[in-house]
C-alpha atoms as a PDB file:
ATOM      1  CA  MET A   1      95.028 150.838  97.624  1.00  0.00           C
ATOM      2  CA  ILE A   2      97.719 151.197  94.968  1.00  0.00           C
ATOM      3  CA  THR A   3     100.653 148.818  94.769  1.00  0.00           C
ATOM      4  CA  LEU A   4     104.062 148.876  93.134  1.00  0.00           C
ATOM      5  CA  ASN A   5     103.730 148.534  89.338  1.00  0.00           C
ATOM      6  CA  SER A   6      99.970 149.189  89.431  1.00  0.00           C
ATOM      7  CA  VAL A   7      98.815 150.501  86.059  1.00  0.00           C
ATOM      8  CA  TYR A   8      95.764 152.649  85.424  1.00  0.00           C
ATOM      9  CA  LYS A   9      94.618 153.670  81.923  1.00  0.00           C
ATOM     10  CA  HIS A  10      92.214 156.445  81.016  1.00  0.00           C
ATOM     11  CA  HIS A  11      90.869 157.146  77.509  1.00  0.00           C
ATOM     12  CA  PHE A  12      90.069 160.725  76.518  1.00  0.00           C
ATOM     13  CA  SER A  13      89.854 163.316  73.751  1.00  0.00           C
ATOM     14  CA  PHE A  14      89.274 167.060  73.655  1.00  0.00           C
ATOM     15  CA  THR A  15      87.082 169.135  71.338  1.00  0.00           C
ATOM     16  CA  GLN A  16      87.894 172.522  69.806  1.00  0.00           C
ATOM     17  CA  GLN A  17      85.446 173.999  72.312  1.00  0.00           C
ATOM     18  CA  ASP A  18      87.610 172.541  75.114  1.00  0.00           C
ATOM     19  CA  ILE A  19      90.652 174.248  73.538  1.00  0.00           C
ATOM     20  CA  ILE A  20      88.804 177.576  73.429  1.00  0.00           C
ATOM     21  CA  LYS A  21      87.736 177.247  77.085  1.00  0.00           C
ATOM     22  CA  PHE A  22      91.300 176.368  78.133  1.00  0.00           C
ATOM     23  CA  ALA A  23      92.629 179.408  76.236  1.00  0.00           C
ATOM     24  CA  GLU A  24      90.089 181.629  78.001  1.00  0.00           C
ATOM     25  CA  VAL A  25      90.910 180.285  81.466  1.00  0.00           C
ATOM     26  CA  THR A  26      94.696 180.405  81.039  1.00  0.00           C
ATOM     27  CA  GLY A  27      94.984 183.414  78.774  1.00  0.00           C
ATOM     28  CA  ASP A  28      97.143 181.399  76.344  1.00  0.00           C
ATOM     29  CA  LYS A  29      95.532 182.492  73.091  1.00  0.00           C
ATOM     30  CA  ASN A  30      98.460 181.523  70.869  1.00  0.00           C
ATOM     31  CA  PRO A  31      96.934 181.300  67.369  1.00  0.00           C
ATOM     32  CA  VAL A  32      98.583 177.911  66.756  1.00  0.00           C
ATOM     33  CA  HIS A  33      95.862 176.550  69.072  1.00  0.00           C
ATOM     34  CA  LEU A  34      92.923 178.629  67.877  1.00  0.00           C
ATOM     35  CA  ASP A  35      93.346 179.786  64.278  1.00  0.00           C
ATOM     36  CA  ALA A  36      93.389 177.181  61.491  1.00  0.00           C
ATOM     37  CA  ALA A  37      94.638 179.704  58.906  1.00  0.00           C
ATOM     38  CA  TYR A  38      97.549 180.664  61.142  1.00  0.00           C
ATOM     39  CA  ALA A  39      98.316 177.032  62.055  1.00  0.00           C
ATOM     40  CA  ALA A  40      98.414 176.183  58.316  1.00  0.00           C
ATOM     41  CA  THR A  41     101.488 178.431  58.020  1.00  0.00           C
ATOM     42  CA  THR A  42     103.348 176.525  60.749  1.00  0.00           C
ATOM     43  CA  MET A  43     105.167 173.210  60.781  1.00  0.00           C
ATOM     44  CA  PHE A  44     102.010 171.646  62.306  1.00  0.00           C
ATOM     45  CA  LYS A  45      99.702 172.620  59.387  1.00  0.00           C
ATOM     46  CA  VAL A  46      96.623 172.348  61.655  1.00  0.00           C
ATOM     47  CA  PRO A  47      95.818 173.690  65.126  1.00  0.00           C
ATOM     48  CA  ILE A  48      97.403 171.796  68.009  1.00  0.00           C
ATOM     49  CA  MET A  49      96.210 171.462  71.594  1.00  0.00           C
ATOM     50  CA  HIS A  50      97.890 173.232  74.454  1.00  0.00           C
ATOM     51  CA  GLY A  51     100.340 170.717  75.948  1.00  0.00           C
ATOM     52  CA  MET A  52      99.177 171.644  79.425  1.00  0.00           C
ATOM     53  CA  LEU A  53      95.567 170.891  78.523  1.00  0.00           C
ATOM     54  CA  GLY A  54      96.518 167.299  77.779  1.00  0.00           C
ATOM     55  CA  ALA A  55      98.618 167.077  80.927  1.00  0.00           C
ATOM     56  CA  SER A  56      95.817 168.604  83.014  1.00  0.00           C
ATOM     57  CA  LEU A  57      94.029 165.282  82.663  1.00  0.00           C
ATOM     58  CA  PHE A  58      96.558 163.871  85.142  1.00  0.00           C
ATOM     59  CA  SER A  59      95.009 166.030  87.880  1.00  0.00           C
ATOM     60  CA  LYS A  60      91.537 164.638  87.137  1.00  0.00           C
ATOM     61  CA  VAL A  61      92.755 161.057  87.286  1.00  0.00           C
ATOM     62  CA  PHE A  62      94.807 161.455  90.471  1.00  0.00           C
ATOM     63  CA  GLY A  63      92.111 163.413  92.306  1.00  0.00           C
ATOM     64  CA  THR A  64      89.078 161.356  91.347  1.00  0.00           C
ATOM     65  CA  LEU A  65      90.008 157.992  89.819  1.00  0.00           C
ATOM     66  CA  PHE A  66      93.482 156.682  90.704  1.00  0.00           C
ATOM     67  CA  PRO A  67      94.172 156.569  93.592  1.00  0.00           C
ATOM     68  CA  GLY A  68      91.225 158.964  93.969  1.00  0.00           C
ATOM     69  CA  ASP A  69      89.728 161.003  96.790  1.00  0.00           C
ATOM     70  CA  GLY A  70      92.231 162.556  99.130  1.00  0.00           C
ATOM     71  CA  THR A  71      95.104 162.663  96.632  1.00  0.00           C
ATOM     72  CA  ILE A  72      97.389 165.680  96.848  1.00  0.00           C
ATOM     73  CA  TYR A  73      99.419 166.392  93.723  1.00  0.00           C
ATOM     74  CA  LEU A  74     102.909 167.340  94.913  1.00  0.00           C
ATOM     75  CA  LYS A  75     105.126 167.383  91.828  1.00  0.00           C
ATOM     76  CA  GLN A  76     105.073 166.743  88.082  1.00  0.00           C
ATOM     77  CA  SER A  77     107.758 166.638  85.401  1.00  0.00           C
ATOM     78  CA  LEU A  78     106.616 166.858  81.786  1.00  0.00           C
ATOM     79  CA  ASN A  79     108.128 166.227  78.378  1.00  0.00           C
ATOM     80  CA  PHE A  80     106.015 167.352  75.422  1.00  0.00           C
ATOM     81  CA  LEU A  81     107.267 164.991  72.720  1.00  0.00           C
ATOM     82  CA  LYS A  82     104.669 165.231  69.943  1.00  0.00           C
ATOM     83  CA  PRO A  83     101.764 167.594  69.293  1.00  0.00           C
ATOM     84  CA  MET A  84      98.256 166.620  70.304  1.00  0.00           C
ATOM     85  CA  TYR A  85      95.176 167.322  68.195  1.00  0.00           C
ATOM     86  CA  VAL A  86      91.499 168.015  68.666  1.00  0.00           C
ATOM     87  CA  ASP A  87      88.993 165.146  68.392  1.00  0.00           C
ATOM     88  CA  THR A  88      91.744 162.521  68.575  1.00  0.00           C
ATOM     89  CA  ASP A  89      91.606 159.507  70.870  1.00  0.00           C
ATOM     90  CA  TYR A  90      94.322 159.367  73.524  1.00  0.00           C
ATOM     91  CA  GLU A  91      95.138 157.091  76.421  1.00  0.00           C
ATOM     92  CA  ALA A  92      96.777 158.334  79.600  1.00  0.00           C
ATOM     93  CA  VAL A  93      98.768 155.575  81.294  1.00  0.00           C
ATOM     94  CA  PHE A  94      99.774 155.785  84.955  1.00  0.00           C
ATOM     95  CA  THR A  95     102.340 153.324  86.345  1.00  0.00           C
ATOM     96  CA  VAL A  96     103.332 153.283  90.017  1.00  0.00           C
ATOM     97  CA  LYS A  97     107.153 153.260  90.146  1.00  0.00           C
ATOM     98  CA  GLU A  98     107.874 153.787  93.855  1.00  0.00           C
ATOM     99  CA  ILE A  99     105.849 153.787  97.059  1.00  0.00           C
ATOM    100  CA  PHE A 100     106.812 155.441 100.337  1.00  0.00           C
ATOM    101  CA  PRO A 101     104.129 154.106 102.728  1.00  0.00           C
ATOM    102  CA  GLU A 102     105.496 155.906 105.782  1.00  0.00           C
ATOM    103  CA  LYS A 103     104.909 159.240 104.002  1.00  0.00           C
ATOM    104  CA  HIS A 104     101.749 158.100 102.141  1.00  0.00           C
ATOM    105  CA  ARG A 105     103.488 159.029  98.874  1.00  0.00           C
ATOM    106  CA  ALA A 106     104.081 157.448  95.498  1.00  0.00           C
ATOM    107  CA  ILE A 107     105.987 158.253  92.346  1.00  0.00           C
ATOM    108  CA  VAL A 108     103.923 157.582  89.250  1.00  0.00           C
ATOM    109  CA  GLU A 109     105.033 157.541  85.612  1.00  0.00           C
ATOM    110  CA  THR A 110     102.584 159.579  83.514  1.00  0.00           C
ATOM    111  CA  VAL A 111     102.324 159.039  79.753  1.00  0.00           C
ATOM    112  CA  ILE A 112      99.868 160.150  77.065  1.00  0.00           C
ATOM    113  CA  ILE A 113      99.673 157.958  73.969  1.00  0.00           C
ATOM    114  CA  GLU A 114      97.804 158.634  70.727  1.00  0.00           C
ATOM    115  CA  LYS A 115      95.585 155.564  70.408  1.00  0.00           C
ATOM    116  CA  SER A 116      95.671 155.072  66.622  1.00  0.00           C
ATOM    117  CA  SER A 117      99.444 155.302  66.176  1.00  0.00           C
ATOM    118  CA  GLY A 118     100.765 154.328  69.604  1.00  0.00           C
ATOM    119  CA  THR A 119     102.866 157.507  69.583  1.00  0.00           C
ATOM    120  CA  VAL A 120     103.879 158.861  72.979  1.00  0.00           C
ATOM    121  CA  CYS A 121     102.913 162.544  72.996  1.00  0.00           C
ATOM    122  CA  THR A 122     103.644 163.450  76.614  1.00  0.00           C
ATOM    123  CA  SER A 123     105.704 161.740  79.278  1.00  0.00           C
ATOM    124  CA  GLY A 124     106.616 162.582  82.816  1.00  0.00           C
ATOM    125  CA  GLU A 125     106.619 161.603  86.438  1.00  0.00           C
ATOM    126  CA  ALA A 126     104.367 162.675  89.288  1.00  0.00           C
ATOM    127  CA  THR A 127     104.762 162.590  93.041  1.00  0.00           C
ATOM    128  CA  ILE A 128     101.450 162.213  94.844  1.00  0.00           C
ATOM    129  CA  MET A 129     100.306 161.832  98.440  1.00  0.00           C
ATOM    130  CA  ASN A 130      97.158 160.121  99.631  1.00  0.00           C
ATOM    131  CA  VAL A 131      96.579 159.336 103.312  1.00  0.00           C
ATOM    132  CA  LYS A 132      93.843 156.782 102.532  1.00  0.00           C
ATOM    133  CA  ASN A 133      95.104 154.828  99.531  1.00  0.00           C
ATOM    134  CA  ILE A 134      98.914 154.728  99.751  1.00  0.00           C
END
């Protein structure tokens, strides 16, 4: 059961192989994600991850870890604030901001932080429903 101000943290990183798989599944083969020589000519200087790949972790957490089984993902806002990189340690932080028990819904702040610098890379807010845990 989640409660108001509950916080859940999940550590993760993605490999270049994960980036390649994501590009294949989505069709987003932008060379800034896949080609180091191309990325070197951009403001990033090295390949960056797809922003949506990082944010896709939210679905894993909501559906399997917090609040877990039975969660339906209803809505998500996203702000991509800083680029994310391969083989870098990140922490996704989920904070319950509002609960609507009569509708089995909650609003959850979603943030991705680069572990070494503390930089917020992605921020947003999700609306979820779970008939068992809210």
